[in-house]
Structure formats: C-alpha cells, structure tokens
C-alpha cells in the first residue's frame, strides 16, 4: 500500500467518525456500513452493507429511502451483496 492510499484511507476513516459523532451536513447523505433490520434497497437484512444515511447531531443514523437506483447501480448492489453472502458462507461454513 502506497503512502497516498494509506493517507486516503485514514482521511476517509476520520471523516466517517466525524459524521457519526457530530452528524452530517443538513440535507447531505453519507455512506455507512450498517446492518438494517429488514434490509433496504433489496439487500439481505443480516448483511453489513454500505447504505446512504443521514446522521443526526446525537449520532443516530437513518437510512435515506426512496433514492432512484438505475440499472447499472442495481447490478453493482446485487454483485456486492452476492460477494458478501459468499464471504459469510465461507466464514460461517453454512
């Protein structure tokens, strides 16, 4: 891993924690890896998945619902979900 990619990952982690601690900008959407009861956007309920969320100033997050998902994005969501399902299967041997 090169220095620039390590710095980029560190900056992303800092921004993520900042948004979780202080909330994200009003009207803004951030991406967080969370487990959502019932699932959203066609993703299995028991997978930790990156969803669009709003974070309040007290650290509570809610999934932003109703976003339009085009065909390309849906294919990427489905492919990522399939990878995560396979990894879960390997990890839990089920």
PDB file of N, CA and C in Angstrom:
ATOM      1  N   UNK A   1       0.850  -1.175   0.000  1.00  0.00           N
ATOM      2  CA  UNK A   1       0.000   0.000   0.000  1.00  0.00           C
ATOM      3  C   UNK A   1       0.892   1.233   0.000  1.00  0.00           C
ATOM      4  N   UNK A   2       0.632   2.088  -0.937  1.00  0.00           N
ATOM      5  CA  UNK A   2       1.423   3.304  -1.032  1.00  0.00           C
ATOM      6  C   UNK A   2       0.996   4.337  -0.007  1.00  0.00           C
ATOM      7  N   UNK A   3       1.840   5.316   0.189  1.00  0.00           N
ATOM      8  CA  UNK A   3       1.547   6.360   1.182  1.00  0.00           C
ATOM      9  C   UNK A   3       0.260   7.099   0.872  1.00  0.00           C
ATOM     10  N   UNK A   4       0.019   7.394  -0.406  1.00  0.00           N
ATOM     11  CA  UNK A   4      -1.174   8.169  -0.745  1.00  0.00           C
ATOM     12  C   UNK A   4      -2.447   7.384  -0.448  1.00  0.00           C
ATOM     13  N   UNK A   5      -2.453   6.075  -0.698  1.00  0.00           N
ATOM     14  CA  UNK A   5      -3.657   5.296  -0.426  1.00  0.00           C
ATOM     15  C   UNK A   5      -3.871   5.134   1.075  1.00  0.00           C
ATOM     16  N   UNK A   6      -2.794   5.024   1.841  1.00  0.00           N
ATOM     17  CA  UNK A   6      -2.928   4.926   3.299  1.00  0.00           C
ATOM     18  C   UNK A   6      -3.467   6.237   3.867  1.00  0.00           C
ATOM     19  N   UNK A   7      -2.971   7.360   3.353  1.00  0.00           N
ATOM     20  CA  UNK A   7      -3.463   8.656   3.818  1.00  0.00           C
ATOM     21  C   UNK A   7      -4.915   8.843   3.421  1.00  0.00           C
ATOM     22  N   UNK A   8      -5.283   8.387   2.242  1.00  0.00           N
ATOM     23  CA  UNK A   8      -6.665   8.489   1.782  1.00  0.00           C
ATOM     24  C   UNK A   8      -7.589   7.654   2.667  1.00  0.00           C
ATOM     25  N   UNK A   9      -7.174   6.446   3.010  1.00  0.00           N
ATOM     26  CA  UNK A   9      -7.979   5.592   3.887  1.00  0.00           C
ATOM     27  C   UNK A   9      -8.107   6.208   5.268  1.00  0.00           C
ATOM     28  N   UNK A  10      -7.037   6.786   5.775  1.00  0.00           N
ATOM     29  CA  UNK A  10      -7.082   7.429   7.090  1.00  0.00           C
ATOM     30  C   UNK A  10      -8.006   8.639   7.066  1.00  0.00           C
ATOM     31  N   UNK A  11      -7.942   9.435   6.007  1.00  0.00           N
ATOM     32  CA  UNK A  11      -8.813  10.608   5.898  1.00  0.00           C
ATOM     33  C   UNK A  11     -10.276  10.181   5.823  1.00  0.00           C
ATOM     34  N   UNK A  12     -10.566   9.117   5.084  1.00  0.00           N
ATOM     35  CA  UNK A  12     -11.937   8.618   4.980  1.00  0.00           C
ATOM     36  C   UNK A  12     -12.440   8.129   6.336  1.00  0.00           C
ATOM     37  N   UNK A  13     -11.581   7.435   7.086  1.00  0.00           N
ATOM     38  CA  UNK A  13     -11.973   6.963   8.418  1.00  0.00           C
ATOM     39  C   UNK A  13     -12.250   8.141   9.350  1.00  0.00           C
ATOM     40  N   UNK A  14     -11.425   9.166   9.273  1.00  0.00           N
ATOM     41  CA  UNK A  14     -11.636  10.361  10.102  1.00  0.00           C
ATOM     42  C   UNK A  14     -12.944  11.061   9.748  1.00  0.00           C
ATOM     43  N   UNK A  15     -13.228  11.198   8.457  1.00  0.00           N
ATOM     44  CA  UNK A  15     -14.475  11.834   8.035  1.00  0.00           C
ATOM     45  C   UNK A  15     -15.690  11.025   8.488  1.00  0.00           C
ATOM     46  N   UNK A  16     -15.583   9.703   8.404  1.00  0.00           N
ATOM     47  CA  UNK A  16     -16.676   8.820   8.828  1.00  0.00           C
ATOM     48  C   UNK A  16     -16.970   9.007  10.312  1.00  0.00           C
ATOM     49  N   UNK A  17     -15.936   8.965  11.133  1.00  0.00           N
ATOM     50  CA  UNK A  17     -16.115   9.138  12.575  1.00  0.00           C
ATOM     51  C   UNK A  17     -16.633  10.540  12.890  1.00  0.00           C
ATOM     52  N   UNK A  18     -16.142  11.543  12.175  1.00  0.00           N
ATOM     53  CA  UNK A  18     -16.627  12.914  12.369  1.00  0.00           C
ATOM     54  C   UNK A  18     -18.132  12.993  12.115  1.00  0.00           C
ATOM     55  N   UNK A  19     -18.576  12.429  10.988  1.00  0.00           N
ATOM     56  CA  UNK A  19     -20.001  12.461  10.668  1.00  0.00           C
ATOM     57  C   UNK A  19     -20.821  11.694  11.698  1.00  0.00           C
ATOM     58  N   UNK A  20     -20.298  10.574  12.170  1.00  0.00           N
ATOM     59  CA  UNK A  20     -21.025   9.768  13.151  1.00  0.00           C
ATOM     60  C   UNK A  20     -21.104  10.505  14.497  1.00  0.00           C
ATOM     61  N   UNK A  21     -20.055  11.200  14.868  1.00  0.00           N
ATOM     62  CA  UNK A  21     -20.005  11.896  16.151  1.00  0.00           C
ATOM     63  C   UNK A  21     -20.801  13.209  16.133  1.00  0.00           C
ATOM     64  N   UNK A  22     -20.590  13.990  15.073  1.00  0.00           N
ATOM     65  CA  UNK A  22     -21.192  15.326  15.010  1.00  0.00           C
ATOM     66  C   UNK A  22     -22.420  15.414  14.108  1.00  0.00           C
ATOM     67  N   UNK A  23     -22.709  14.378  13.351  1.00  0.00           N
ATOM     68  CA  UNK A  23     -23.778  14.422  12.363  1.00  0.00           C
ATOM     69  C   UNK A  23     -23.246  14.930  11.040  1.00  0.00           C
ATOM     70  N   UNK A  24     -23.935  14.560   9.977  1.00  0.00           N
ATOM     71  CA  UNK A  24     -23.503  15.053   8.669  1.00  0.00           C
ATOM     72  C   UNK A  24     -24.231  16.350   8.352  1.00  0.00           C
ATOM     73  N   UNK A  25     -23.805  16.987   7.297  1.00  0.00           N
ATOM     74  CA  UNK A  25     -24.380  18.277   6.931  1.00  0.00           C
ATOM     75  C   UNK A  25     -25.867  18.117   6.650  1.00  0.00           C
ATOM     76  N   UNK A  26     -26.633  19.127   7.032  1.00  0.00           N
ATOM     77  CA  UNK A  26     -28.066  19.109   6.780  1.00  0.00           C
ATOM     78  C   UNK A  26     -28.331  18.887   5.297  1.00  0.00           C
ATOM     79  N   UNK A  27     -29.182  17.920   5.007  1.00  0.00           N
ATOM     80  CA  UNK A  27     -29.525  17.637   3.624  1.00  0.00           C
ATOM     81  C   UNK A  27     -28.501  16.787   2.902  1.00  0.00           C
ATOM     82  N   UNK A  28     -27.367  16.550   3.530  1.00  0.00           N
ATOM     83  CA  UNK A  28     -26.337  15.723   2.908  1.00  0.00           C
ATOM     84  C   UNK A  28     -26.573  14.259   3.194  1.00  0.00           C
ATOM     85  N   UNK A  29     -25.959  13.437   2.422  1.00  0.00           N
ATOM     86  CA  UNK A  29     -26.052  11.990   2.597  1.00  0.00           C
ATOM     87  C   UNK A  29     -24.636  11.456   2.689  1.00  0.00           C
ATOM     88  N   UNK A  30     -24.405  10.569   3.645  1.00  0.00           N
ATOM     89  CA  UNK A  30     -23.121   9.894   3.749  1.00  0.00           C
ATOM     90  C   UNK A  30     -23.352   8.397   3.604  1.00  0.00           C
ATOM     91  N   UNK A  31     -22.304   7.685   3.332  1.00  0.00           N
ATOM     92  CA  UNK A  31     -22.374   6.244   3.177  1.00  0.00           C
ATOM     93  C   UNK A  31     -21.799   5.595   4.431  1.00  0.00           C
ATOM     94  N   UNK A  32     -22.568   4.672   5.025  1.00  0.00           N
ATOM     95  CA  UNK A  32     -22.105   3.964   6.219  1.00  0.00           C
ATOM     96  C   UNK A  32     -22.406   2.476   6.077  1.00  0.00           C
ATOM     97  N   UNK A  33     -21.459   1.670   6.491  1.00  0.00           N
ATOM     98  CA  UNK A  33     -21.683   0.234   6.544  1.00  0.00           C
ATOM     99  C   UNK A  33     -22.467  -0.089   7.805  1.00  0.00           C
ATOM    100  N   UNK A  34     -23.737  -0.471   7.633  1.00  0.00           N
ATOM    101  CA  UNK A  34     -24.617  -0.747   8.768  1.00  0.00           C
ATOM    102  C   UNK A  34     -25.447  -1.994   8.487  1.00  0.00           C
ATOM    103  N   UNK A  35     -26.016  -2.552   9.532  1.00  0.00           N
ATOM    104  CA  UNK A  35     -26.956  -3.658   9.411  1.00  0.00           C
ATOM    105  C   UNK A  35     -28.341  -3.076   9.642  1.00  0.00           C
ATOM    106  N   UNK A  36     -29.227  -3.255   8.675  1.00  0.00           N
ATOM    107  CA  UNK A  36     -30.551  -2.653   8.716  1.00  0.00           C
ATOM    108  C   UNK A  36     -31.592  -3.740   8.927  1.00  0.00           C
ATOM    109  N   UNK A  37     -32.368  -3.604   9.973  1.00  0.00           N
ATOM    110  CA  UNK A  37     -33.446  -4.556  10.233  1.00  0.00           C
ATOM    111  C   UNK A  37     -34.402  -4.570   9.043  1.00  0.00           C
ATOM    112  N   UNK A  38     -34.612  -5.725   8.481  1.00  0.00           N
ATOM    113  CA  UNK A  38     -35.490  -5.851   7.329  1.00  0.00           C
ATOM    114  C   UNK A  38     -34.806  -5.596   6.001  1.00  0.00           C
ATOM    115  N   UNK A  39     -33.600  -5.034   6.010  1.00  0.00           N
ATOM    116  CA  UNK A  39     -32.887  -4.728   4.780  1.00  0.00           C
ATOM    117  C   UNK A  39     -33.523  -3.571   4.030  1.00  0.00           C
ATOM    118  N   UNK A  40     -32.795  -2.997   3.136  1.00  0.00           N
ATOM    119  CA  UNK A  40     -33.265  -1.898   2.282  1.00  0.00           C
ATOM    120  C   UNK A  40     -32.636  -2.059   0.912  1.00  0.00           C
ATOM    121  N   UNK A  41     -33.244  -1.477  -0.077  1.00  0.00           N
ATOM    122  CA  UNK A  41     -32.731  -1.481  -1.445  1.00  0.00           C
ATOM    123  C   UNK A  41     -32.434  -2.894  -1.960  1.00  0.00           C
ATOM    124  N   UNK A  42     -33.207  -3.876  -1.473  1.00  0.00           N
ATOM    125  CA  UNK A  42     -33.052  -5.252  -1.938  1.00  0.00           C
ATOM    126  C   UNK A  42     -31.898  -6.012  -1.324  1.00  0.00           C
ATOM    127  N   UNK A  43     -31.280  -5.467  -0.289  1.00  0.00           N
ATOM    128  CA  UNK A  43     -30.137  -6.108   0.360  1.00  0.00           C
ATOM    129  C   UNK A  43     -30.641  -6.965   1.523  1.00  0.00           C
ATOM    130  N   UNK A  44     -30.049  -8.154   1.696  1.00  0.00           N
ATOM    131  CA  UNK A  44     -30.404  -9.033   2.812  1.00  0.00           C
ATOM    132  C   UNK A  44     -30.330  -8.289   4.141  1.00  0.00           C
ATOM    133  N   UNK A  45     -31.257  -8.588   5.023  1.00  0.00           N
ATOM    134  CA  UNK A  45     -31.350  -7.897   6.307  1.00  0.00           C
ATOM    135  C   UNK A  45     -30.160  -8.158   7.223  1.00  0.00           C
ATOM    136  N   UNK A  46     -29.497  -9.286   7.077  1.00  0.00           N
ATOM    137  CA  UNK A  46     -28.434  -9.627   8.031  1.00  0.00           C
ATOM    138  C   UNK A  46     -27.033  -9.362   7.492  1.00  0.00           C
ATOM    139  N   UNK A  47     -26.918  -8.548   6.451  1.00  0.00           N
ATOM    140  CA  UNK A  47     -25.610  -8.183   5.919  1.00  0.00           C
ATOM    141  C   UNK A  47     -25.243  -6.764   6.337  1.00  0.00           C
ATOM    142  N   UNK A  48     -23.995  -6.581   6.719  1.00  0.00           N
ATOM    143  CA  UNK A  48     -23.487  -5.229   6.932  1.00  0.00           C
ATOM    144  C   UNK A  48     -23.179  -4.683   5.543  1.00  0.00           C
ATOM    145  N   UNK A  49     -23.872  -3.623   5.168  1.00  0.00           N
ATOM    146  CA  UNK A  49     -23.815  -3.115   3.803  1.00  0.00           C
ATOM    147  C   UNK A  49     -23.715  -1.605   3.842  1.00  0.00           C
ATOM    148  N   UNK A  50     -23.106  -1.024   2.860  1.00  0.00           N
ATOM    149  CA  UNK A  50     -22.967   0.424   2.792  1.00  0.00           C
ATOM    150  C   UNK A  50     -24.254   1.042   2.249  1.00  0.00           C
ATOM    151  N   UNK A  51     -24.929   1.778   3.113  1.00  0.00           N
ATOM    152  CA  UNK A  51     -26.196   2.420   2.760  1.00  0.00           C
ATOM    153  C   UNK A  51     -26.034   3.937   2.771  1.00  0.00           C
ATOM    154  N   UNK A  52     -26.907   4.630   2.035  1.00  0.00           N
ATOM    155  CA  UNK A  52     -26.946   6.093   2.151  1.00  0.00           C
ATOM    156  C   UNK A  52     -27.674   6.438   3.445  1.00  0.00           C
ATOM    157  N   UNK A  53     -27.040   7.227   4.295  1.00  0.00           N
ATOM    158  CA  UNK A  53     -27.659   7.565   5.577  1.00  0.00           C
ATOM    159  C   UNK A  53     -27.530   9.056   5.876  1.00  0.00           C
ATOM    160  N   UNK A  54     -28.399   9.496   6.758  1.00  0.00           N
ATOM    161  CA  UNK A  54     -28.276  10.799   7.400  1.00  0.00           C
ATOM    162  C   UNK A  54     -27.954  10.517   8.853  1.00  0.00           C
ATOM    163  N   UNK A  55     -27.069  11.308   9.418  1.00  0.00           N
ATOM    164  CA  UNK A  55     -26.676  11.134  10.814  1.00  0.00           C
ATOM    165  C   UNK A  55     -27.039  12.408  11.564  1.00  0.00           C
ATOM    166  N   UNK A  56     -27.797  12.250  12.657  1.00  0.00           N
ATOM    167  CA  UNK A  56     -28.187  13.412  13.458  1.00  0.00           C
ATOM    168  C   UNK A  56     -27.028  13.843  14.337  1.00  0.00           C
ATOM    169  N   UNK A  57     -27.182  14.995  14.957  1.00  0.00           N
ATOM    170  CA  UNK A  57     -26.113  15.524  15.818  1.00  0.00           C
ATOM    171  C   UNK A  57     -25.877  14.670  17.054  1.00  0.00           C
ATOM    172  N   UNK A  58     -26.839  13.797  17.390  1.00  0.00           N
ATOM    173  CA  UNK A  58     -26.642  12.902  18.536  1.00  0.00           C
ATOM    174  C   UNK A  58     -26.131  11.526  18.114  1.00  0.00           C
ATOM    175  N   UNK A  59     -25.729  11.399  16.840  1.00  0.00           N
ATOM    176  CA  UNK A  59     -25.108  10.161  16.369  1.00  0.00           C
ATOM    177  C   UNK A  59     -26.081   9.113  15.874  1.00  0.00           C
ATOM    178  N   UNK A  60     -27.367   9.401  15.878  1.00  0.00           N
ATOM    179  CA  UNK A  60     -28.353   8.442  15.386  1.00  0.00           C
ATOM    180  C   UNK A  60     -28.392   8.514  13.859  1.00  0.00           C
ATOM    181  N   UNK A  61     -28.341   7.365  13.224  1.00  0.00           N
ATOM    182  CA  UNK A  61     -28.370   7.331  11.773  1.00  0.00           C
ATOM    183  C   UNK A  61     -29.684   6.731  11.293  1.00  0.00           C
ATOM    184  N   UNK A  62     -30.100   7.180  10.123  1.00  0.00           N
ATOM    185  CA  UNK A  62     -31.276   6.618   9.458  1.00  0.00           C
ATOM    186  C   UNK A  62     -30.947   6.450   7.981  1.00  0.00           C
ATOM    187  N   UNK A  63     -31.406   5.355   7.423  1.00  0.00           N
ATOM    188  CA  UNK A  63     -31.190   5.099   6.004  1.00  0.00           C
ATOM    189  C   UNK A  63     -32.065   6.047   5.199  1.00  0.00           C
ATOM    190  N   UNK A  64     -31.479   6.660   4.188  1.00  0.00           N
ATOM    191  CA  UNK A  64     -32.222   7.514   3.263  1.00  0.00           C
ATOM    192  C   UNK A  64     -32.964   6.585   2.309  1.00  0.00           C
ATOM    193  N   UNK A  65     -34.267   6.695   2.300  1.00  0.00           N
ATOM    194  CA  UNK A  65     -35.067   5.818   1.454  1.00  0.00           C
ATOM    195  C   UNK A  65     -35.584   6.566   0.234  1.00  0.00           C
ATOM    196  N   UNK A  66     -35.981   5.801  -0.766  1.00  0.00           N
ATOM    197  CA  UNK A  66     -36.610   6.376  -1.934  1.00  0.00           C
ATOM    198  C   UNK A  66     -35.667   6.907  -2.995  1.00  0.00           C
ATOM    199  N   UNK A  67     -34.376   6.647  -2.856  1.00  0.00           N
ATOM    200  CA  UNK A  67     -33.452   7.098  -3.905  1.00  0.00           C
ATOM    201  C   UNK A  67     -33.649   6.247  -5.165  1.00  0.00           C
ATOM    202  N   UNK A  68     -33.597   6.886  -6.298  1.00  0.00           N
ATOM    203  CA  UNK A  68     -33.721   6.161  -7.565  1.00  0.00           C
ATOM    204  C   UNK A  68     -32.443   5.355  -7.805  1.00  0.00           C
ATOM    205  N   UNK A  69     -32.604   4.089  -8.136  1.00  0.00           N
ATOM    206  CA  UNK A  69     -31.472   3.214  -8.413  1.00  0.00           C
ATOM    207  C   UNK A  69     -31.556   2.818  -9.882  1.00  0.00           C
ATOM    208  N   UNK A  70     -30.558   3.231 -10.665  1.00  0.00           N
ATOM    209  CA  UNK A  70     -30.576   2.862 -12.086  1.00  0.00           C
ATOM    210  C   UNK A  70     -30.091   1.419 -12.254  1.00  0.00           C
ATOM    211  N   UNK A  71     -30.203   0.912 -13.466  1.00  0.00           N
ATOM    212  CA  UNK A  71     -29.866  -0.484 -13.749  1.00  0.00           C
ATOM    213  C   UNK A  71     -28.407  -0.804 -13.421  1.00  0.00           C
ATOM    214  N   UNK A  72     -27.497   0.089 -13.781  1.00  0.00           N
ATOM    215  CA  UNK A  72     -26.074  -0.128 -13.504  1.00  0.00           C
ATOM    216  C   UNK A  72     -25.842  -0.242 -11.996  1.00  0.00           C
ATOM    217  N   UNK A  73     -26.399   0.692 -11.240  1.00  0.00           N
ATOM    218  CA  UNK A  73     -26.208   0.688  -9.786  1.00  0.00           C
ATOM    219  C   UNK A  73     -26.822  -0.552  -9.158  1.00  0.00           C
ATOM    220  N   UNK A  74     -27.999  -0.962  -9.624  1.00  0.00           N
ATOM    221  CA  UNK A  74     -28.633  -2.158  -9.069  1.00  0.00           C
ATOM    222  C   UNK A  74     -27.790  -3.397  -9.321  1.00  0.00           C
ATOM    223  N   UNK A  75     -27.177  -3.473 -10.489  1.00  0.00           N
ATOM    224  CA  UNK A  75     -26.284  -4.605 -10.788  1.00  0.00           C
ATOM    225  C   UNK A  75     -25.091  -4.611  -9.844  1.00  0.00           C
ATOM    226  N   UNK A  76     -24.539  -3.437  -9.540  1.00  0.00           N
ATOM    227  CA  UNK A  76     -23.399  -3.352  -8.611  1.00  0.00           C
ATOM    228  C   UNK A  76     -23.828  -3.725  -7.192  1.00  0.00           C
ATOM    229  N   UNK A  77     -25.003  -3.267  -6.787  1.00  0.00           N
ATOM    230  CA  UNK A  77     -25.536  -3.639  -5.462  1.00  0.00           C
ATOM    231  C   UNK A  77     -25.700  -5.153  -5.386  1.00  0.00           C
ATOM    232  N   UNK A  78     -26.309  -5.746  -6.407  1.00  0.00           N
ATOM    233  CA  UNK A  78     -26.532  -7.191  -6.420  1.00  0.00           C
ATOM    234  C   UNK A  78     -25.214  -7.963  -6.407  1.00  0.00           C
ATOM    235  N   UNK A  79     -24.226  -7.495  -7.168  1.00  0.00           N
ATOM    236  CA  UNK A  79     -22.923  -8.177  -7.211  1.00  0.00           C
ATOM    237  C   UNK A  79     -22.223  -8.090  -5.859  1.00  0.00           C
ATOM    238  N   UNK A  80     -22.274  -6.925  -5.232  1.00  0.00           N
ATOM    239  CA  UNK A  80     -21.652  -6.752  -3.919  1.00  0.00           C
ATOM    240  C   UNK A  80     -22.352  -7.619  -2.886  1.00  0.00           C
ATOM    241  N   UNK A  81     -23.685  -7.665  -2.935  1.00  0.00           N
ATOM    242  CA  UNK A  81     -24.428  -8.494  -1.995  1.00  0.00           C
ATOM    243  C   UNK A  81     -24.060  -9.964  -2.175  1.00  0.00           C
ATOM    244  N   UNK A  82     -23.937 -10.419  -3.422  1.00  0.00           N
ATOM    245  CA  UNK A  82     -23.558 -11.811  -3.680  1.00  0.00           C
ATOM    246  C   UNK A  82     -22.167 -12.114  -3.111  1.00  0.00           C
ATOM    247  N   UNK A  83     -21.226 -11.185  -3.261  1.00  0.00           N
ATOM    248  CA  UNK A  83     -19.886 -11.371  -2.694  1.00  0.00           C
ATOM    249  C   UNK A  83     -19.948 -11.472  -1.172  1.00  0.00           C
ATOM    250  N   UNK A  84     -20.724 -10.607  -0.549  1.00  0.00           N
ATOM    251  CA  UNK A  84     -20.843 -10.626   0.909  1.00  0.00           C
ATOM    252  C   UNK A  84     -21.524 -11.906   1.391  1.00  0.00           C
ATOM    253  N   UNK A  85     -22.520 -12.374   0.660  1.00  0.00           N
ATOM    254  CA  UNK A  85     -23.183 -13.623   1.020  1.00  0.00           C
ATOM    255  C   UNK A  85     -22.206 -14.795   0.939  1.00  0.00           C
ATOM    256  N   UNK A  86     -21.367 -14.789  -0.092  1.00  0.00           N
ATOM    257  CA  UNK A  86     -20.376 -15.854  -0.246  1.00  0.00           C
ATOM    258  C   UNK A  86     -19.334 -15.792   0.876  1.00  0.00           C
ATOM    259  N   UNK A  87     -18.892 -14.600   1.210  1.00  0.00           N
ATOM    260  CA  UNK A  87     -17.925 -14.455   2.302  1.00  0.00           C
ATOM    261  C   UNK A  87     -18.538 -14.911   3.628  1.00  0.00           C
ATOM    262  N   UNK A  88     -19.808 -14.579   3.851  1.00  0.00           N
ATOM    263  CA  UNK A  88     -20.479 -15.009   5.082  1.00  0.00           C
ATOM    264  C   UNK A  88     -20.574 -16.541   5.109  1.00  0.00           C
ATOM    265  N   UNK A  89     -20.897 -17.120   3.954  1.00  0.00           N
ATOM    266  CA  UNK A  89     -20.995 -18.582   3.865  1.00  0.00           C
ATOM    267  C   UNK A  89     -19.657 -19.229   4.200  1.00  0.00           C
ATOM    268  N   UNK A  90     -18.573 -18.684   3.642  1.00  0.00           N
ATOM    269  CA  UNK A  90     -17.242 -19.236   3.924  1.00  0.00           C
ATOM    270  C   UNK A  90     -16.887 -19.066   5.394  1.00  0.00           C
ATOM    271  N   UNK A  91     -17.188 -17.902   5.948  1.00  0.00           N
ATOM    272  CA  UNK A  91     -16.804 -17.623   7.338  1.00  0.00           C
ATOM    273  C   UNK A  91     -17.600 -18.474   8.329  1.00  0.00           C
ATOM    274  N   UNK A  92     -18.880 -18.692   8.029  1.00  0.00           N
ATOM    275  CA  UNK A  92     -19.744 -19.419   8.961  1.00  0.00           C
ATOM    276  C   UNK A  92     -19.941 -20.868   8.572  1.00  0.00           C
ATOM    277  N   UNK A  93     -19.375 -21.247   7.424  1.00  0.00           N
ATOM    278  CA  UNK A  93     -19.471 -22.616   6.918  1.00  0.00           C
ATOM    279  C   UNK A  93     -20.923 -23.078   6.846  1.00  0.00           C
ATOM    280  N   UNK A  94     -21.752 -22.207   6.231  1.00  0.00           N
ATOM    281  CA  UNK A  94     -23.167 -22.594   6.047  1.00  0.00           C
ATOM    282  C   UNK A  94     -23.670 -22.199   4.699  1.00  0.00           C
TER     283      UNK A  94
END
